[in-house]
Amino acid sequence: LLLECTQKFALRMCLKDWNLHYSSLLCSSHLPSLADRRKYLKLCILFKFIHQLASSPTSFELRHRDSRFGFTQYKLMQPFARTNSYLYSFLPSTIHLYNDLPL
């Protein structure tokens, strides 16, 4: 939240417009929101893990999900999460984002 507020203030200072809404400021400056940047970077890191371009700090196995019609290489198996703290941690939340991407 603090980073987003800082970006909002910096955009208003640079564009010299204190009346525009934040989404309009982002659009006019061609910048993605902080939430969109985080999603993009999480997916980039997962891509590197999948293609072994980066080593993961923990040992986990990325398995492709089986579909009704057989094996699919485009979806990953979502790990079971008993708690919300694990559900919203990096790996489960990023796999959810990855599986929701359009083919």
PDB file of N, CA and C in Angstrom:
ATOM      1  N   LEU A   1       0.832  -1.198   0.000  1.00  0.00           N
ATOM      2  CA  LEU A   1       0.000   0.000   0.000  1.00  0.00           C
ATOM      3  C   LEU A   1       0.870   1.253   0.000  1.00  0.00           C
ATOM      4  N   LEU A   2       1.943   1.224   0.765  1.00  0.00           N
ATOM      5  CA  LEU A   2       2.826   2.388   0.833  1.00  0.00           C
ATOM      6  C   LEU A   2       3.513   2.624  -0.511  1.00  0.00           C
ATOM      7  N   LEU A   3       3.933   1.546  -1.163  1.00  0.00           N
ATOM      8  CA  LEU A   3       4.578   1.674  -2.466  1.00  0.00           C
ATOM      9  C   LEU A   3       3.609   2.227  -3.514  1.00  0.00           C
ATOM     10  N   GLU A   4       2.362   1.754  -3.455  1.00  0.00           N
ATOM     11  CA  GLU A   4       1.342   2.239  -4.387  1.00  0.00           C
ATOM     12  C   GLU A   4       1.056   3.730  -4.144  1.00  0.00           C
ATOM     13  N   CYS A   5       1.006   4.133  -2.886  1.00  0.00           N
ATOM     14  CA  CYS A   5       0.785   5.547  -2.564  1.00  0.00           C
ATOM     15  C   CYS A   5       1.950   6.410  -3.031  1.00  0.00           C
ATOM     16  N   THR A   6       3.163   5.885  -2.906  1.00  0.00           N
ATOM     17  CA  THR A   6       4.338   6.616  -3.365  1.00  0.00           C
ATOM     18  C   THR A   6       4.305   6.777  -4.883  1.00  0.00           C
ATOM     19  N   GLN A   7       3.917   5.704  -5.590  1.00  0.00           N
ATOM     20  CA  GLN A   7       3.820   5.788  -7.046  1.00  0.00           C
ATOM     21  C   GLN A   7       2.737   6.786  -7.456  1.00  0.00           C
ATOM     22  N   LYS A   8       1.623   6.777  -6.750  1.00  0.00           N
ATOM     23  CA  LYS A   8       0.535   7.717  -7.052  1.00  0.00           C
ATOM     24  C   LYS A   8       1.013   9.162  -6.887  1.00  0.00           C
ATOM     25  N   PHE A   9       1.718   9.426  -5.791  1.00  0.00           N
ATOM     26  CA  PHE A   9       2.225  10.775  -5.542  1.00  0.00           C
ATOM     27  C   PHE A   9       3.251  11.169  -6.604  1.00  0.00           C
ATOM     28  N   ALA A  10       4.146  10.252  -6.966  1.00  0.00           N
ATOM     29  CA  ALA A  10       5.171  10.546  -7.969  1.00  0.00           C
ATOM     30  C   ALA A  10       4.542  10.810  -9.338  1.00  0.00           C
ATOM     31  N   LEU A  11       3.517  10.055  -9.690  1.00  0.00           N
ATOM     32  CA  LEU A  11       2.836  10.287 -10.963  1.00  0.00           C
ATOM     33  C   LEU A  11       2.177  11.662 -10.995  1.00  0.00           C
ATOM     34  N   ARG A  12       1.556  12.021  -9.899  1.00  0.00           N
ATOM     35  CA  ARG A  12       0.908  13.343  -9.847  1.00  0.00           C
ATOM     36  C   ARG A  12       1.932  14.462  -9.932  1.00  0.00           C
ATOM     37  N   MET A  13       3.101  14.249  -9.310  1.00  0.00           N
ATOM     38  CA  MET A  13       4.165  15.261  -9.375  1.00  0.00           C
ATOM     39  C   MET A  13       4.722  15.355 -10.796  1.00  0.00           C
ATOM     40  N   CYS A  14       4.986  14.207 -11.424  1.00  0.00           N
ATOM     41  CA  CYS A  14       5.588  14.214 -12.764  1.00  0.00           C
ATOM     42  C   CYS A  14       4.626  14.737 -13.821  1.00  0.00           C
ATOM     43  N   LEU A  15       3.373  14.346 -13.721  1.00  0.00           N
ATOM     44  CA  LEU A  15       2.390  14.775 -14.723  1.00  0.00           C
ATOM     45  C   LEU A  15       1.755  16.122 -14.384  1.00  0.00           C
ATOM     46  N   LYS A  16       2.039  16.607 -13.181  1.00  0.00           N
ATOM     47  CA  LYS A  16       1.520  17.907 -12.717  1.00  0.00           C
ATOM     48  C   LYS A  16       0.000  17.987 -12.829  1.00  0.00           C
ATOM     49  N   ASP A  17      -0.645  16.906 -12.436  1.00  0.00           N
ATOM     50  CA  ASP A  17      -2.110  16.865 -12.471  1.00  0.00           C
ATOM     51  C   ASP A  17      -2.599  16.219 -11.182  1.00  0.00           C
ATOM     52  N   TRP A  18      -3.181  17.031 -10.317  1.00  0.00           N
ATOM     53  CA  TRP A  18      -3.630  16.549  -9.011  1.00  0.00           C
ATOM     54  C   TRP A  18      -5.099  16.137  -9.021  1.00  0.00           C
ATOM     55  N   ASN A  19      -5.780  16.293 -10.132  1.00  0.00           N
ATOM     56  CA  ASN A  19      -7.205  16.011 -10.182  1.00  0.00           C
ATOM     57  C   ASN A  19      -7.552  14.675 -10.822  1.00  0.00           C
ATOM     58  N   LEU A  20      -6.635  14.100 -11.606  1.00  0.00           N
ATOM     59  CA  LEU A  20      -6.927  12.832 -12.275  1.00  0.00           C
ATOM     60  C   LEU A  20      -6.978  11.673 -11.287  1.00  0.00           C
ATOM     61  N   HIS A  21      -7.798  10.709 -11.587  1.00  0.00           N
ATOM     62  CA  HIS A  21      -7.871   9.485 -10.792  1.00  0.00           C
ATOM     63  C   HIS A  21      -6.609   8.668 -11.050  1.00  0.00           C
ATOM     64  N   TYR A  22      -6.247   7.832 -10.086  1.00  0.00           N
ATOM     65  CA  TYR A  22      -5.005   7.060 -10.166  1.00  0.00           C
ATOM     66  C   TYR A  22      -4.967   6.166 -11.398  1.00  0.00           C
ATOM     67  N   SER A  23      -6.076   5.513 -11.736  1.00  0.00           N
ATOM     68  CA  SER A  23      -6.088   4.633 -12.910  1.00  0.00           C
ATOM     69  C   SER A  23      -5.864   5.433 -14.196  1.00  0.00           C
ATOM     70  N   SER A  24      -6.367   6.648 -14.242  1.00  0.00           N
ATOM     71  CA  SER A  24      -6.136   7.519 -15.403  1.00  0.00           C
ATOM     72  C   SER A  24      -4.671   7.931 -15.486  1.00  0.00           C
ATOM     73  N   LEU A  25      -4.067   8.185 -14.334  1.00  0.00           N
ATOM     74  CA  LEU A  25      -2.644   8.528 -14.313  1.00  0.00           C
ATOM     75  C   LEU A  25      -1.801   7.366 -14.824  1.00  0.00           C
ATOM     76  N   LEU A  26      -2.135   6.154 -14.378  1.00  0.00           N
ATOM     77  CA  LEU A  26      -1.397   4.979 -14.840  1.00  0.00           C
ATOM     78  C   LEU A  26      -1.554   4.784 -16.338  1.00  0.00           C
ATOM     79  N   CYS A  27      -2.757   4.959 -16.818  1.00  0.00           N
ATOM     80  CA  CYS A  27      -3.035   4.776 -18.247  1.00  0.00           C
ATOM     81  C   CYS A  27      -2.293   5.810 -19.087  1.00  0.00           C
ATOM     82  N   SER A  28      -2.314   7.052 -18.668  1.00  0.00           N
ATOM     83  CA  SER A  28      -1.662   8.103 -19.449  1.00  0.00           C
ATOM     84  C   SER A  28      -0.145   7.981 -19.429  1.00  0.00           C
ATOM     85  N   SER A  29       0.410   7.381 -18.385  1.00  0.00           N
ATOM     86  CA  SER A  29       1.865   7.219 -18.313  1.00  0.00           C
ATOM     87  C   SER A  29       2.316   5.840 -18.786  1.00  0.00           C
ATOM     88  N   HIS A  30       1.359   5.002 -19.206  1.00  0.00           N
ATOM     89  CA  HIS A  30       1.644   3.649 -19.715  1.00  0.00           C
ATOM     90  C   HIS A  30       2.366   2.785 -18.688  1.00  0.00           C
ATOM     91  N   LEU A  31       1.943   2.888 -17.436  1.00  0.00           N
ATOM     92  CA  LEU A  31       2.505   2.073 -16.363  1.00  0.00           C
ATOM     93  C   LEU A  31       1.457   1.077 -15.860  1.00  0.00           C
ATOM     94  N   PRO A  32       1.873  -0.152 -15.561  1.00  0.00           N
ATOM     95  CA  PRO A  32       0.937  -1.091 -14.942  1.00  0.00           C
ATOM     96  C   PRO A  32       0.807  -0.802 -13.451  1.00  0.00           C
ATOM     97  N   SER A  33      -0.274  -1.260 -12.863  1.00  0.00           N
ATOM     98  CA  SER A  33      -0.444  -1.068 -11.419  1.00  0.00           C
ATOM     99  C   SER A  33       0.503  -1.997 -10.665  1.00  0.00           C
ATOM    100  N   LEU A  34       0.675  -1.743  -9.405  1.00  0.00           N
ATOM    101  CA  LEU A  34       1.550  -2.559  -8.584  1.00  0.00           C
ATOM    102  C   LEU A  34       1.063  -4.006  -8.556  1.00  0.00           C
ATOM    103  N   ALA A  35      -0.226  -4.220  -8.462  1.00  0.00           N
ATOM    104  CA  ALA A  35      -0.774  -5.583  -8.438  1.00  0.00           C
ATOM    105  C   ALA A  35      -0.478  -6.310  -9.746  1.00  0.00           C
ATOM    106  N   ASP A  36      -0.600  -5.617 -10.868  1.00  0.00           N
ATOM    107  CA  ASP A  36      -0.296  -6.234 -12.161  1.00  0.00           C
ATOM    108  C   ASP A  36       1.187  -6.544 -12.304  1.00  0.00           C
ATOM    109  N   ARG A  37       2.045  -5.658 -11.809  1.00  0.00           N
ATOM    110  CA  ARG A  37       3.491  -5.918 -11.856  1.00  0.00           C
ATOM    111  C   ARG A  37       3.848  -7.130 -11.011  1.00  0.00           C
ATOM    112  N   ARG A  38       3.225  -7.250  -9.844  1.00  0.00           N
ATOM    113  CA  ARG A  38       3.513  -8.404  -8.983  1.00  0.00           C
ATOM    114  C   ARG A  38       3.086  -9.708  -9.643  1.00  0.00           C
ATOM    115  N   LYS A  39       1.899  -9.714 -10.262  1.00  0.00           N
ATOM    116  CA  LYS A  39       1.435 -10.920 -10.959  1.00  0.00           C
ATOM    117  C   LYS A  39       2.388 -11.284 -12.083  1.00  0.00           C
ATOM    118  N   TYR A  40       2.793 -10.308 -12.859  1.00  0.00           N
ATOM    119  CA  TYR A  40       3.691 -10.541 -13.983  1.00  0.00           C
ATOM    120  C   TYR A  40       5.027 -11.123 -13.500  1.00  0.00           C
ATOM    121  N   LEU A  41       5.598 -10.543 -12.452  1.00  0.00           N
ATOM    122  CA  LEU A  41       6.887 -11.013 -11.963  1.00  0.00           C
ATOM    123  C   LEU A  41       6.788 -12.394 -11.325  1.00  0.00           C
ATOM    124  N   LYS A  42       5.677 -12.681 -10.640  1.00  0.00           N
ATOM    125  CA  LYS A  42       5.475 -14.022 -10.096  1.00  0.00           C
ATOM    126  C   LYS A  42       5.420 -15.055 -11.214  1.00  0.00           C
ATOM    127  N   LEU A  43       4.720 -14.730 -12.303  1.00  0.00           N
ATOM    128  CA  LEU A  43       4.634 -15.648 -13.436  1.00  0.00           C
ATOM    129  C   LEU A  43       5.985 -15.799 -14.134  1.00  0.00           C
ATOM    130  N   CYS A  44       6.782 -14.748 -14.178  1.00  0.00           N
ATOM    131  CA  CYS A  44       8.128 -14.844 -14.759  1.00  0.00           C
ATOM    132  C   CYS A  44       9.002 -15.798 -13.953  1.00  0.00           C
ATOM    133  N   ILE A  45       8.945 -15.704 -12.637  1.00  0.00           N
ATOM    134  CA  ILE A  45       9.735 -16.587 -11.787  1.00  0.00           C
ATOM    135  C   ILE A  45       9.274 -18.027 -11.942  1.00  0.00           C
ATOM    136  N   LEU A  46       7.964 -18.252 -11.981  1.00  0.00           N
ATOM    137  CA  LEU A  46       7.450 -19.605 -12.176  1.00  0.00           C
ATOM    138  C   LEU A  46       7.884 -20.159 -13.530  1.00  0.00           C
ATOM    139  N   PHE A  47       7.861 -19.344 -14.571  1.00  0.00           N
ATOM    140  CA  PHE A  47       8.333 -19.765 -15.887  1.00  0.00           C
ATOM    141  C   PHE A  47       9.786 -20.228 -15.807  1.00  0.00           C
ATOM    142  N   LYS A  48      10.611 -19.478 -15.088  1.00  0.00           N
ATOM    143  CA  LYS A  48      12.023 -19.852 -14.947  1.00  0.00           C
ATOM    144  C   LYS A  48      12.174 -21.158 -14.177  1.00  0.00           C
ATOM    145  N   PHE A  49      11.335 -21.383 -13.164  1.00  0.00           N
ATOM    146  CA  PHE A  49      11.375 -22.648 -12.433  1.00  0.00           C
ATOM    147  C   PHE A  49      10.974 -23.813 -13.334  1.00  0.00           C
ATOM    148  N   ILE A  50       9.914 -23.623 -14.115  1.00  0.00           N
ATOM    149  CA  ILE A  50       9.415 -24.692 -14.980  1.00  0.00           C
ATOM    150  C   ILE A  50      10.460 -25.083 -16.017  1.00  0.00           C
ATOM    151  N   HIS A  51      11.122 -24.097 -16.596  1.00  0.00           N
ATOM    152  CA  HIS A  51      12.085 -24.355 -17.661  1.00  0.00           C
ATOM    153  C   HIS A  51      13.515 -24.462 -17.145  1.00  0.00           C
ATOM    154  N   GLN A  52      13.661 -24.577 -15.832  1.00  0.00           N
ATOM    155  CA  GLN A  52      14.945 -24.761 -15.159  1.00  0.00           C
ATOM    156  C   GLN A  52      15.968 -23.691 -15.543  1.00  0.00           C
ATOM    157  N   LEU A  53      15.501 -22.475 -15.648  1.00  0.00           N
ATOM    158  CA  LEU A  53      16.377 -21.334 -15.890  1.00  0.00           C
ATOM    159  C   LEU A  53      16.806 -20.689 -14.579  1.00  0.00           C
ATOM    160  N   ALA A  54      16.185 -21.117 -13.500  1.00  0.00           N
ATOM    161  CA  ALA A  54      16.539 -20.635 -12.164  1.00  0.00           C
ATOM    162  C   ALA A  54      16.327 -21.781 -11.186  1.00  0.00           C
ATOM    163  N   SER A  55      17.138 -21.805 -10.153  1.00  0.00           N
ATOM    164  CA  SER A  55      16.954 -22.844  -9.145  1.00  0.00           C
ATOM    165  C   SER A  55      16.018 -22.321  -8.063  1.00  0.00           C
ATOM    166  N   SER A  56      15.165 -23.199  -7.590  1.00  0.00           N
ATOM    167  CA  SER A  56      14.211 -22.794  -6.561  1.00  0.00           C
ATOM    168  C   SER A  56      14.860 -22.906  -5.193  1.00  0.00           C
ATOM    169  N   PRO A  57      14.529 -22.012  -4.270  1.00  0.00           N
ATOM    170  CA  PRO A  57      15.132 -22.053  -2.938  1.00  0.00           C
ATOM    171  C   PRO A  57      14.670 -23.253  -2.114  1.00  0.00           C
ATOM    172  N   THR A  58      13.514 -23.783  -2.423  1.00  0.00           N
ATOM    173  CA  THR A  58      13.017 -24.965  -1.714  1.00  0.00           C
ATOM    174  C   THR A  58      12.856 -26.095  -2.710  1.00  0.00           C
ATOM    175  N   SER A  59      12.777 -27.285  -2.203  1.00  0.00           N
ATOM    176  CA  SER A  59      12.598 -28.416  -3.109  1.00  0.00           C
ATOM    177  C   SER A  59      11.110 -28.672  -3.269  1.00  0.00           C
ATOM    178  N   PHE A  60      10.612 -28.448  -4.435  1.00  0.00           N
ATOM    179  CA  PHE A  60       9.227 -28.757  -4.747  1.00  0.00           C
ATOM    180  C   PHE A  60       9.179 -29.294  -6.162  1.00  0.00           C
ATOM    181  N   GLU A  61       8.156 -30.030  -6.436  1.00  0.00           N
ATOM    182  CA  GLU A  61       8.014 -30.637  -7.739  1.00  0.00           C
ATOM    183  C   GLU A  61       6.803 -30.033  -8.444  1.00  0.00           C
ATOM    184  N   LEU A  62       7.020 -29.542  -9.641  1.00  0.00           N
ATOM    185  CA  LEU A  62       5.925 -29.008 -10.439  1.00  0.00           C
ATOM    186  C   LEU A  62       5.416 -30.130 -11.324  1.00  0.00           C
ATOM    187  N   ARG A  63       4.188 -30.541 -11.081  1.00  0.00           N
ATOM    188  CA  ARG A  63       3.605 -31.623 -11.874  1.00  0.00           C
ATOM    189  C   ARG A  63       2.500 -31.063 -12.745  1.00  0.00           C
ATOM    190  N   HIS A  64       2.420 -31.597 -13.952  1.00  0.00           N
ATOM    191  CA  HIS A  64       1.346 -31.208 -14.856  1.00  0.00           C
ATOM    192  C   HIS A  64       0.078 -31.931 -14.458  1.00  0.00           C
ATOM    193  N   ARG A  65      -1.029 -31.248 -14.616  1.00  0.00           N
ATOM    194  CA  ARG A  65      -2.322 -31.767 -14.181  1.00  0.00           C
ATOM    195  C   ARG A  65      -2.913 -32.678 -15.253  1.00  0.00           C
ATOM    196  N   ASP A  66      -3.516 -33.769 -14.803  1.00  0.00           N
ATOM    197  CA  ASP A  66      -4.245 -34.646 -15.715  1.00  0.00           C
ATOM    198  C   ASP A  66      -5.633 -34.070 -15.931  1.00  0.00           C
ATOM    199  N   SER A  67      -6.079 -34.124 -17.158  1.00  0.00           N
ATOM    200  CA  SER A  67      -7.427 -33.655 -17.453  1.00  0.00           C
ATOM    201  C   SER A  67      -8.322 -34.853 -17.717  1.00  0.00           C
ATOM    202  N   ARG A  68      -9.577 -34.597 -17.934  1.00  0.00           N
ATOM    203  CA  ARG A  68     -10.526 -35.665 -18.237  1.00  0.00           C
ATOM    204  C   ARG A  68     -10.134 -36.394 -19.513  1.00  0.00           C
ATOM    205  N   PHE A  69      -9.535 -35.678 -20.420  1.00  0.00           N
ATOM    206  CA  PHE A  69      -9.211 -36.231 -21.725  1.00  0.00           C
ATOM    207  C   PHE A  69      -7.755 -36.668 -21.820  1.00  0.00           C
ATOM    208  N   GLY A  70      -7.077 -36.736 -20.707  1.00  0.00           N
ATOM    209  CA  GLY A  70      -5.683 -37.174 -20.704  1.00  0.00           C
ATOM    210  C   GLY A  70      -4.756 -36.099 -20.160  1.00  0.00           C
ATOM    211  N   PHE A  71      -3.494 -36.335 -20.300  1.00  0.00           N
ATOM    212  CA  PHE A  71      -2.445 -35.467 -19.789  1.00  0.00           C
ATOM    213  C   PHE A  71      -2.461 -34.114 -20.498  1.00  0.00           C
ATOM    214  N   THR A  72      -2.299 -33.050 -19.746  1.00  0.00           N
ATOM    215  CA  THR A  72      -2.193 -31.717 -20.346  1.00  0.00           C
ATOM    216  C   THR A  72      -0.901 -31.062 -19.890  1.00  0.00           C
ATOM    217  N   GLN A  73      -0.180 -30.503 -20.826  1.00  0.00           N
ATOM    218  CA  GLN A  73       1.096 -29.879 -20.494  1.00  0.00           C
ATOM    219  C   GLN A  73       0.944 -28.408 -20.128  1.00  0.00           C
ATOM    220  N   TYR A  74      -0.256 -27.875 -20.229  1.00  0.00           N
ATOM    221  CA  TYR A  74      -0.448 -26.447 -20.027  1.00  0.00           C
ATOM    222  C   TYR A  74      -0.978 -26.081 -18.646  1.00  0.00           C
ATOM    223  N   LYS A  75      -1.326 -27.066 -17.841  1.00  0.00           N
ATOM    224  CA  LYS A  75      -1.843 -26.791 -16.505  1.00  0.00           C
ATOM    225  C   LYS A  75      -0.969 -27.496 -15.472  1.00  0.00           C
ATOM    226  N   LEU A  76      -0.766 -26.839 -14.346  1.00  0.00           N
ATOM    227  CA  LEU A  76       0.018 -27.426 -13.264  1.00  0.00           C
ATOM    228  C   LEU A  76      -0.910 -27.858 -12.147  1.00  0.00           C
ATOM    229  N   MET A  77      -0.501 -28.876 -11.427  1.00  0.00           N
ATOM    230  CA  MET A  77      -1.306 -29.367 -10.320  1.00  0.00           C
ATOM    231  C   MET A  77      -1.203 -28.388  -9.146  1.00  0.00           C
ATOM    232  N   GLN A  78      -2.345 -27.982  -8.666  1.00  0.00           N
ATOM    233  CA  GLN A  78      -2.413 -27.051  -7.540  1.00  0.00           C
ATOM    234  C   GLN A  78      -2.119 -27.821  -6.252  1.00  0.00           C
ATOM    235  N   PRO A  79      -1.107 -27.397  -5.473  1.00  0.00           N
ATOM    236  CA  PRO A  79      -0.837 -28.101  -4.216  1.00  0.00           C
ATOM    237  C   PRO A  79      -1.962 -27.867  -3.205  1.00  0.00           C
ATOM    238  N   PHE A  80      -2.215 -28.861  -2.399  1.00  0.00           N
ATOM    239  CA  PHE A  80      -3.257 -28.745  -1.374  1.00  0.00           C
ATOM    240  C   PHE A  80      -2.796 -27.789  -0.285  1.00  0.00           C
ATOM    241  N   ALA A  81      -3.658 -26.870   0.078  1.00  0.00           N
ATOM    242  CA  ALA A  81      -3.330 -25.894   1.111  1.00  0.00           C
ATOM    243  C   ALA A  81      -4.377 -25.981   2.217  1.00  0.00           C
ATOM    244  N   ARG A  82      -3.918 -26.323   3.413  1.00  0.00           N
ATOM    245  CA  ARG A  82      -4.822 -26.416   4.553  1.00  0.00           C
ATOM    246  C   ARG A  82      -5.074 -25.062   5.196  1.00  0.00           C
ATOM    247  N   THR A  83      -4.134 -24.160   5.058  1.00  0.00           N
ATOM    248  CA  THR A  83      -4.260 -22.847   5.693  1.00  0.00           C
ATOM    249  C   THR A  83      -4.209 -21.747   4.642  1.00  0.00           C
ATOM    250  N   ASN A  84      -4.784 -20.610   4.978  1.00  0.00           N
ATOM    251  CA  ASN A  84      -4.761 -19.467   4.059  1.00  0.00           C
ATOM    252  C   ASN A  84      -3.358 -18.909   3.882  1.00  0.00           C
ATOM    253  N   SER A  85      -2.529 -18.997   4.929  1.00  0.00           N
ATOM    254  CA  SER A  85      -1.174 -18.469   4.793  1.00  0.00           C
ATOM    255  C   SER A  85      -0.395 -19.240   3.740  1.00  0.00           C
ATOM    256  N   TYR A  86      -0.621 -20.550   3.631  1.00  0.00           N
ATOM    257  CA  TYR A  86       0.038 -21.318   2.574  1.00  0.00           C
ATOM    258  C   TYR A  86      -0.663 -21.108   1.233  1.00  0.00           C
ATOM    259  N   LEU A  87      -1.979 -21.009   1.236  1.00  0.00           N
ATOM    260  CA  LEU A  87      -2.740 -20.832   0.000  1.00  0.00           C
ATOM    261  C   LEU A  87      -2.318 -19.566  -0.738  1.00  0.00           C
ATOM    262  N   TYR A  88      -2.020 -18.500   0.013  1.00  0.00           N
ATOM    263  CA  TYR A  88      -1.636 -17.236  -0.602  1.00  0.00           C
ATOM    264  C   TYR A  88      -0.123 -17.035  -0.650  1.00  0.00           C
ATOM    265  N   SER A  89       0.643 -18.075  -0.353  1.00  0.00           N
ATOM    266  CA  SER A  89       2.089 -17.984  -0.502  1.00  0.00           C
ATOM    267  C   SER A  89       2.459 -18.093  -1.976  1.00  0.00           C
ATOM    268  N   PHE A  90       3.744 -17.993  -2.276  1.00  0.00           N
ATOM    269  CA  PHE A  90       4.175 -17.863  -3.666  1.00  0.00           C
ATOM    270  C   PHE A  90       3.697 -19.002  -4.566  1.00  0.00           C
ATOM    271  N   LEU A  91       4.035 -20.222  -4.226  1.00  0.00           N
ATOM    272  CA  LEU A  91       3.795 -21.321  -5.156  1.00  0.00           C
ATOM    273  C   LEU A  91       2.307 -21.576  -5.435  1.00  0.00           C
ATOM    274  N   PRO A  92       1.450 -21.772  -4.438  1.00  0.00           N
ATOM    275  CA  PRO A  92       0.038 -22.012  -4.758  1.00  0.00           C
ATOM    276  C   PRO A  92      -0.643 -20.847  -5.468  1.00  0.00           C
ATOM    277  N   SER A  93      -0.343 -19.637  -5.047  1.00  0.00           N
ATOM    278  CA  SER A  93      -0.999 -18.493  -5.680  1.00  0.00           C
ATOM    279  C   SER A  93      -0.516 -18.290  -7.114  1.00  0.00           C
ATOM    280  N   THR A  94       0.747 -18.561  -7.379  1.00  0.00           N
ATOM    281  CA  THR A  94       1.279 -18.390  -8.730  1.00  0.00           C
ATOM    282  C   THR A  94       0.808 -19.503  -9.654  1.00  0.00           C
ATOM    283  N   ILE A  95       0.690 -20.719  -9.146  1.00  0.00           N
ATOM    284  CA  ILE A  95       0.158 -21.806  -9.962  1.00  0.00           C
ATOM    285  C   ILE A  95      -1.287 -21.510 -10.331  1.00  0.00           C
ATOM    286  N   HIS A  96      -2.037 -20.942  -9.406  1.00  0.00           N
ATOM    287  CA  HIS A  96      -3.419 -20.550  -9.706  1.00  0.00           C
ATOM    288  C   HIS A  96      -3.447 -19.507 -10.830  1.00  0.00           C
ATOM    289  N   LEU A  97      -2.564 -18.506 -10.751  1.00  0.00           N
ATOM    290  CA  LEU A  97      -2.469 -17.501 -11.819  1.00  0.00           C
ATOM    291  C   LEU A  97      -2.090 -18.149 -13.147  1.00  0.00           C
ATOM    292  N   TYR A  98      -1.118 -19.056 -13.098  1.00  0.00           N
ATOM    293  CA  TYR A  98      -0.635 -19.733 -14.308  1.00  0.00           C
ATOM    294  C   TYR A  98      -1.746 -20.561 -14.961  1.00  0.00           C
ATOM    295  N   ASN A  99      -2.502 -21.290 -14.147  1.00  0.00           N
ATOM    296  CA  ASN A  99      -3.571 -22.126 -14.689  1.00  0.00           C
ATOM    297  C   ASN A  99      -4.723 -21.297 -15.254  1.00  0.00           C
ATOM    298  N   ASP A 100      -4.870 -20.066 -14.786  1.00  0.00           N
ATOM    299  CA  ASP A 100      -5.946 -19.202 -15.293  1.00  0.00           C
ATOM    300  C   ASP A 100      -5.560 -18.438 -16.561  1.00  0.00           C
ATOM    301  N   LEU A 101      -4.305 -18.565 -16.999  1.00  0.00           N
ATOM    302  CA  LEU A 101      -3.891 -17.887 -18.228  1.00  0.00           C
ATOM    303  C   LEU A 101      -4.618 -18.494 -19.421  1.00  0.00           C
ATOM    304  N   PRO A 102      -4.959 -17.656 -20.407  1.00  0.00           N
ATOM    305  CA  PRO A 102      -5.586 -18.228 -21.615  1.00  0.00           C
ATOM    306  C   PRO A 102      -4.542 -19.010 -22.416  1.00  0.00           C
ATOM    307  N   LEU A 103      -4.993 -20.075 -23.042  1.00  0.00           N
ATOM    308  CA  LEU A 103      -4.075 -20.881 -23.849  1.00  0.00           C
ATOM    309  C   LEU A 103      -3.829 -20.186 -25.109  1.00  0.00           C
TER     310      LEU A 103
END
